[in-house]
Protein backbone atom coordinates (compact mmCIF):
# COMPACT_ATOMS: atom_id res chain seq x y z
CA MET A 1 78.14 9.20 89.43
CA VAL A 2 76.40 7.41 93.57
CA GLN A 3 76.12 10.99 94.83
CA LYS A 4 74.62 12.54 92.15
CA LEU A 5 71.57 10.49 92.30
CA LYS A 6 68.40 11.29 93.52
CA HIS A 7 68.18 10.74 97.41
CA ASP A 8 65.15 10.35 100.05
CA LEU A 9 65.58 9.67 103.15
CA ILE A 10 63.18 7.38 104.71
CA LYS A 11 64.70 7.08 108.14
CA LYS A 12 67.55 7.35 110.81
CA ILE A 13 68.20 3.63 112.36
CA TYR A 14 71.13 5.38 114.54
CA ASP A 15 73.53 7.88 114.26
CA GLY A 16 75.30 7.50 110.94
CA VAL A 17 72.90 4.60 110.17
CA TYR A 18 70.13 5.50 107.73
CA GLN A 19 67.32 3.66 105.42
CA VAL A 20 67.26 5.11 101.96
CA ASN A 21 65.65 4.86 98.64
CA VAL A 22 68.28 5.52 96.15
CA GLU A 23 67.32 6.45 92.24
CA ASN A 24 67.60 3.58 89.95
CA ILE A 25 69.03 1.99 93.31
CA GLY A 26 65.31 1.90 94.70
CA ARG A 27 66.23 0.56 99.18
CA VAL A 28 69.41 0.48 100.46
CA ILE A 29 71.09 1.37 104.12
CA TYR A 30 74.05 4.17 104.56
CA ASN A 31 76.45 4.06 106.81
CA VAL A 32 78.04 6.84 106.97
CA ALA A 33 81.83 7.07 108.80
CA PRO A 34 84.90 8.95 108.92
CA ARG A 35 87.59 8.34 106.52
CA VAL A 36 89.88 7.30 108.93
CA ASP A 37 87.34 4.29 110.56
CA SER A 38 89.32 1.75 109.65
CA LEU A 39 87.03 -0.92 111.15
CA SER A 40 83.95 0.15 109.83
CA ARG A 41 86.62 0.20 105.83
CA GLU A 42 87.66 -3.57 107.81
CA SER A 43 84.52 -4.50 108.01
CA TYR A 44 82.72 -3.27 104.45
CA ASN A 45 85.68 -5.43 103.26
CA LEU A 46 84.51 -8.24 105.77
CA SER A 47 81.67 -8.07 103.94
CA VAL A 48 81.58 -7.65 100.66
CA ALA A 49 84.15 -11.25 99.57
CA CYS A 50 80.68 -13.10 101.14
CA SER A 51 78.24 -14.70 99.54
CA ASN A 52 75.63 -15.86 102.19
CA GLU A 53 72.08 -15.02 102.43
CA PHE A 54 72.55 -14.61 106.54
CA VAL A 55 75.15 -12.65 105.92
CA LEU A 56 74.63 -8.51 104.55
CA LYS A 57 75.85 -7.65 101.83
CA ASN A 58 77.49 -4.58 101.05
CA ILE A 59 76.75 -3.24 97.93
CA PHE A 60 80.10 -0.52 97.02
CA CYS A 61 80.90 2.32 98.35
CA PHE A 62 81.47 6.42 97.78
CA ASN A 63 82.81 9.99 99.29
CA PRO A 64 80.68 11.76 99.98
CA ASN A 65 83.07 14.74 100.85
CA CYS A 66 86.53 13.93 101.52
CA ASN A 67 85.77 13.89 105.53
CA GLN A 68 83.07 10.94 105.27
CA VAL A 69 83.24 6.80 103.59
CA CYS A 70 79.49 6.05 102.81
CA TYR A 71 79.34 2.79 102.83
CA VAL A 72 75.82 1.29 100.76
CA MET A 73 73.91 -1.88 102.26
CA GLU A 74 71.38 -4.22 101.29
CA HIS A 75 68.61 -2.94 102.82
CA TYR A 76 66.96 -3.75 106.08
CA GLU A 77 64.21 -3.55 108.47
CA GLN A 78 65.58 -3.44 111.78
CA ASN A 79 68.10 -4.48 114.35
CA PHE A 80 68.49 -7.23 116.96
CA LYS A 81 67.87 -4.34 119.52
CA GLN A 82 65.52 -2.05 117.73
CA TRP A 83 63.26 -5.49 116.93
CA LEU A 84 63.61 -5.69 121.31
CA GLN A 85 61.13 -3.33 121.63
CA GLU A 86 58.61 -4.45 119.44
CA ASN A 87 58.17 -7.85 119.98
CA SER A 88 58.84 -10.38 123.06
CA LEU A 89 60.75 -13.48 123.22
CA SER A 90 58.34 -15.20 124.25
CA ASP A 91 54.17 -15.75 126.06
CA GLN A 92 53.31 -14.18 128.55
CA GLN A 93 53.69 -17.12 130.67
CA GLY A 94 56.97 -17.35 129.42
CA LYS A 95 56.31 -21.00 128.26
CA ASN A 96 56.66 -21.41 124.64
CA LEU A 97 59.66 -18.97 123.03
CA ASN A 98 57.98 -16.40 120.14
CA PRO A 99 59.19 -18.41 116.70
CA GLU A 100 59.71 -15.54 115.50
CA CYS A 101 62.78 -15.23 117.99
CA LEU A 102 63.84 -18.86 117.51
CA GLN A 103 63.32 -17.99 113.10
CA ILE A 104 66.59 -14.84 114.86
CA LEU A 105 68.55 -17.18 116.45
CA ARG A 106 68.64 -20.08 114.44
CA ASP A 107 69.86 -18.12 111.07
CA VAL A 108 72.42 -15.92 113.22
CA LEU A 109 74.26 -19.42 113.95
CA ARG A 110 73.76 -20.61 110.17
CA GLY A 111 75.55 -17.29 109.72
CA ILE A 112 77.95 -17.53 111.84
CA GLY A 113 79.20 -21.91 110.73
CA TYR A 114 79.76 -20.28 107.08
CA LEU A 115 81.96 -16.82 108.57
CA HIS A 116 83.93 -19.81 110.55
CA ARG A 117 83.65 -23.28 108.39
CA VAL A 118 83.76 -21.40 104.39
CA LYS A 119 85.64 -17.90 105.03
CA LYS A 120 88.30 -19.72 108.03
CA ARG A 121 87.09 -16.34 109.81
CA CYS A 122 85.17 -15.23 113.91
CA HIS A 123 82.66 -12.51 112.90
CA GLY A 124 84.80 -10.57 116.36
CA LYS A 125 82.18 -7.63 117.19
CA LEU A 126 79.16 -9.91 117.05
CA ASN A 127 75.75 -7.45 119.52
CA GLU A 128 72.10 -6.39 119.15
CA THR A 129 73.04 -3.87 116.34
CA ASN A 130 74.96 -6.13 114.05
CA ILE A 131 72.06 -8.68 113.49
CA VAL A 132 69.61 -7.45 111.54
CA ILE A 133 65.70 -8.17 110.83
CA VAL A 134 65.49 -8.53 106.95
CA ASN A 135 61.44 -9.62 105.22
CA GLY A 136 61.54 -11.32 108.88
CA ARG A 137 65.01 -13.47 108.68
CA ALA A 138 68.22 -12.68 110.46
CA LYS A 139 71.61 -11.34 108.99
CA ILE A 140 75.21 -10.58 111.14
CA THR A 141 76.99 -7.65 109.56
CA GLY A 142 80.04 -5.36 111.32
CA MET A 143 82.66 -7.75 111.35
CA VAL A 144 85.98 -6.80 112.48
CA ASN A 145 88.08 -9.29 112.57
CA ASP A 146 90.54 -10.68 109.49
CA ILE A 147 92.60 -13.08 110.93
CA SER A 148 91.87 -17.21 110.61
CA LYS A 149 89.90 -18.45 113.57
CA THR A 150 91.85 -19.77 115.97
CA HIS A 151 89.86 -21.91 118.95
CA LEU A 152 89.34 -18.52 121.45
CA ASP A 153 88.40 -16.27 118.45
CA ASP A 154 85.83 -19.32 117.03
CA ASP A 155 84.37 -19.45 120.46
CA SER A 156 83.38 -16.48 121.57
CA ASP A 157 81.56 -15.36 118.54
CA TYR A 158 78.69 -18.63 119.74
CA LYS A 159 79.60 -16.64 123.73
CA HIS A 160 78.30 -13.54 122.28
CA LEU A 161 75.13 -14.89 120.73
CA ALA A 162 74.56 -16.94 124.32
CA THR A 163 75.11 -13.03 126.44
CA ILE A 164 72.78 -11.92 123.68
CA VAL A 165 70.37 -13.84 124.47
CA ARG A 166 70.15 -14.21 128.40
CA ARG A 167 70.90 -10.20 128.11
CA SER A 168 67.13 -10.04 126.64
CA PHE A 169 65.53 -11.89 128.62
CA GLU A 170 66.59 -10.10 131.29
CA THR A 171 66.29 -7.13 130.08
CA GLU A 172 62.24 -8.81 129.75
CA GLN A 173 62.60 -9.42 133.38
CA HIS A 174 61.53 -12.87 132.11
CA ASP A 175 63.11 -16.35 133.66
CA ILE A 176 64.76 -18.13 130.45
CA PRO A 177 63.07 -21.39 129.89
CA THR A 178 65.23 -24.40 130.61
CA GLU A 179 65.27 -25.67 127.03
CA LEU A 180 66.63 -23.01 126.45
CA LYS A 181 68.84 -22.62 128.65
CA LEU A 182 70.63 -25.40 128.47
CA PHE A 183 70.55 -24.85 124.56
CA LEU A 184 73.11 -22.08 125.40
CA THR A 185 74.99 -24.12 128.00
CA TYR A 186 75.45 -25.98 124.91
CA ILE A 187 76.58 -23.74 122.24
CA SER A 188 78.68 -21.73 124.76
CA LYS A 189 80.74 -24.40 126.50
CA THR A 190 81.27 -26.91 123.46
CA GLU A 191 83.90 -26.93 121.26
CA PRO A 192 82.91 -24.77 117.91
CA SER A 193 83.63 -27.66 115.25
CA ARG A 194 81.52 -30.53 117.66
CA LEU A 195 78.74 -28.18 117.26
CA LEU A 196 77.68 -30.08 114.29
CA ASN A 197 73.43 -30.42 113.16
CA ILE A 198 73.10 -27.46 115.14
CA GLU A 199 69.90 -26.36 113.17
CA ASN A 200 68.44 -29.06 113.40
CA HIS A 201 68.32 -28.95 117.74
CA PRO A 202 64.88 -29.75 118.85
CA ILE A 203 64.04 -26.59 119.96
CA PHE A 204 64.18 -25.83 116.41
CA LEU A 205 61.38 -27.98 115.34
CA SER A 206 57.36 -28.04 114.94
CA PRO A 207 55.68 -30.35 117.71
CA LEU A 208 55.77 -33.02 115.17
CA GLN A 209 59.26 -32.81 114.81
CA ARG A 210 59.40 -33.06 117.68
CA LEU A 211 57.64 -36.75 118.29
CA SER A 212 59.64 -37.92 115.60
CA TYR A 213 63.27 -37.41 117.03
CA ARG A 214 61.75 -39.05 120.80
CA VAL A 215 61.37 -42.26 118.11
CA ILE A 216 63.83 -42.59 116.13
CA ALA A 217 66.62 -41.68 118.91
CA HIS A 218 64.33 -44.33 121.19
CA THR A 219 65.27 -46.34 117.42
CA PHE A 220 69.52 -45.09 117.21
CA LEU A 221 69.64 -46.31 121.26
CA TYR A 222 67.87 -49.58 120.02
CA PHE A 223 70.10 -50.03 115.92
CA GLY A 224 73.36 -48.00 116.45
CA LYS A 225 76.65 -49.65 116.91
CA SER A 226 76.76 -47.53 119.88
CA LYS A 227 73.23 -48.83 121.47
CA ARG A 228 74.97 -49.59 125.26
CA SER A 229 77.94 -46.01 124.90
CA PHE A 230 74.53 -44.24 124.45
CA ALA A 231 72.77 -45.09 127.11
CA LEU A 232 75.29 -45.33 129.64
CA ALA A 233 75.51 -41.37 128.69
CA LEU A 234 71.94 -40.77 128.43
CA ASN A 235 71.55 -42.01 131.75
CA GLU A 236 74.97 -40.80 132.98
CA LYS A 237 73.64 -36.28 131.76
CA LEU A 238 70.39 -36.92 132.88
CA GLY A 239 70.93 -38.72 136.38
CA GLU A 240 67.03 -39.70 137.39
CA CYS A 241 63.53 -38.02 137.52
CA ASP A 242 60.13 -38.63 138.87
CA TRP A 243 58.59 -38.77 136.00
CA LYS A 244 57.01 -41.25 136.33
CA LEU A 245 55.15 -38.99 139.36
CA ASN A 246 54.31 -36.78 136.89
CA VAL A 247 52.24 -38.92 134.16
CA ARG A 248 50.82 -39.94 137.50
CA THR A 249 49.63 -36.10 138.60
CA THR A 250 48.37 -35.54 134.94
CA GLY A 251 47.16 -38.72 134.24
CA THR A 252 47.04 -38.54 130.30
CA PHE A 253 49.15 -41.11 129.96
CA VAL A 254 48.72 -43.68 132.44
CA MET A 255 47.48 -46.15 129.98
CA VAL A 256 50.61 -46.62 128.74
CA LEU A 257 52.70 -45.79 131.93
CA ASP A 258 50.97 -49.09 133.42
CA ARG A 259 50.64 -50.99 130.33
CA TYR A 260 52.15 -53.81 130.92
CA ASN A 261 51.17 -53.91 134.67
CA HIS A 262 47.71 -55.19 132.73
CA GLN A 263 49.28 -58.11 130.93
CA GLY A 264 48.76 -61.39 133.32
CA ASN A 265 50.87 -63.20 130.99
CA LEU A 266 53.75 -61.98 131.88
CA SER A 267 56.13 -63.46 135.02
CA GLU A 268 57.16 -61.43 138.06
CA LYS A 269 60.61 -61.38 136.67
CA GLN A 270 59.28 -60.66 133.44
CA ARG A 271 57.00 -57.36 133.78
CA LYS A 272 60.61 -56.48 136.07
CA ILE A 273 62.41 -56.52 133.09
CA VAL A 274 59.64 -53.88 130.80
CA GLU A 275 58.33 -52.00 133.80
CA TYR A 276 59.83 -48.11 133.52
CA LYS A 277 62.16 -46.56 135.74
CA GLN A 278 63.13 -43.46 136.44
CA THR A 279 65.59 -43.98 134.03
CA ALA A 280 66.55 -41.70 131.06
CA ILE A 281 66.97 -44.50 128.45
CA SER A 282 63.73 -45.82 130.44
CA PHE A 283 61.52 -42.45 130.02
CA MET A 284 63.13 -42.97 126.07
CA ARG A 285 60.80 -45.78 125.78
CA PHE A 286 58.01 -44.50 127.54
CA CYS A 287 57.69 -41.22 124.96
CA ARG A 288 58.09 -44.14 121.63
CA ASN A 289 55.76 -46.38 123.32
CA VAL A 290 52.91 -42.83 123.53
CA VAL A 291 53.61 -42.12 120.56
CA ALA A 292 53.01 -46.11 119.39
CA HIS A 293 49.64 -45.58 121.18
CA LEU A 294 48.13 -42.77 120.28
CA LYS A 295 45.39 -43.35 117.57
CA ASP A 296 43.92 -45.26 121.29
CA ASN A 297 40.69 -44.32 121.79
CA ASN A 298 41.76 -44.19 125.45
CA VAL A 299 44.74 -41.71 125.47
CA LYS A 300 42.66 -37.90 125.93
CA ARG A 301 43.89 -36.01 128.20
CA ASP A 302 40.33 -34.86 129.61
CA PRO A 303 38.11 -38.06 130.07
CA GLY A 304 34.73 -36.26 128.80
CA ARG A 305 36.12 -34.47 125.84
CA CYS A 306 36.26 -36.41 122.44
CA LYS A 307 38.33 -35.04 120.22
CA LYS A 308 41.67 -37.31 120.48
CA LEU A 309 44.89 -34.92 121.52
CA THR A 310 46.72 -32.94 119.54
CA VAL A 311 50.26 -32.98 118.28
CA LYS A 312 51.44 -30.10 120.70
CA GLU A 313 49.72 -31.06 123.17
CA VAL A 314 50.74 -34.20 123.52
CA GLU A 315 54.36 -32.99 122.97
CA GLU A 316 53.91 -29.78 125.47
CA GLU A 317 52.52 -33.49 127.95
CA LEU A 318 55.59 -34.61 127.74
CA ASN A 319 57.88 -32.08 127.17
CA GLY A 320 56.86 -31.23 130.34
CA TYR A 321 57.65 -34.75 131.91
CA TRP A 322 60.98 -34.31 131.29
CA PRO A 323 61.99 -30.45 129.95
CA GLU A 324 66.35 -31.14 130.06
CA PHE A 325 65.08 -34.81 127.98
CA MET A 326 65.50 -33.45 124.52
CA PRO A 327 68.37 -30.51 124.05
CA ILE A 328 70.76 -33.90 126.24
CA VAL A 329 69.34 -36.65 124.03
CA HIS A 330 70.78 -34.11 120.78
CA GLU A 331 74.34 -33.58 122.50
CA VAL A 332 74.66 -37.26 123.31
CA LEU A 333 73.34 -38.22 120.08
CA VAL A 334 75.85 -35.59 118.10
CA GLU A 335 78.46 -36.70 120.46
CA HIS A 336 77.74 -40.71 118.96
CA GLY A 337 77.51 -39.06 116.02
CA HIS A 338 74.06 -40.10 115.05
CA LEU A 339 73.25 -36.56 113.05
CA MET A 340 69.61 -36.05 112.97
CA VAL A 341 68.33 -34.27 109.69
CA VAL A 342 63.94 -33.07 110.28
CA HIS A 343 62.65 -32.57 107.50
CA ASP A 344 59.41 -30.14 106.24
CA ALA A 345 61.16 -27.50 109.30
CA VAL A 346 58.10 -24.34 110.42
CA LEU A 347 61.58 -22.24 110.72
CA LYS A 348 63.09 -22.28 107.57
């Protein structure tokens, strides 16, 4: 019997939840609840029925006494609420998101996706304490809703996740970066059945992957079957932006912006056709051309420096011109049936 094995308390996580080292088993989590607590029992039963790396495993349960049940779970270091007390969501400037935070967000999305698509149910009670950290990766636990998902139930998990992230930034008194703000709006307002390819959303990609994403999106635009519809949707959602002024302000890629002005073999009519406009489609073409001309020696942030721009510097520069561009491009691509799959991800 488990209760006859030696139990060494490691630490108390919060009331009723403990990290314990059990003889012949190792480190586990004890979740001690009253026997009459039907929610804990339901959560345990739901978890036992799951088999996914992003859902915390419940191993077994026993009765330490006649009034309590001890649910033995896979060991975890801390929950997300505790993680937030020890880690920042972004750098001091609030410019770059903490990669660990992005990894947690991505893992939780995978866990939610598993519950919805495979188990045909929702989580029902997603909050900061029901997201736990296991070896740097996030898992969800504490499911309470044992009914087939409905539209409202399915939608609520994503809304709860967005609320958790927004609340976390409010606690730190930091502004939410533009791209993350759009991402949270996207998962909150989009029907879950249309949240396809969410794991490859640009917010989760490395700088090199984001540059590749820009080029591939441009390729889809010009060679996809729904070229005109894609262009109209992108321009409609993003409108116009004075991105060319931003390019001239920084000066880094002015050469690419003015490239057609230096081609004497073009007529005035041809030059008007190829010159960049303020539209999203034109900005997409500009980004593609920036990547194509990175090998040119005159593409440098500082004319006095010898080294060429790094991938990170190029992507940061392009993203600074129009921060809303990448998340909206992703939405339009998914709407038009283009599911981007980017390999060799920095996030696992």
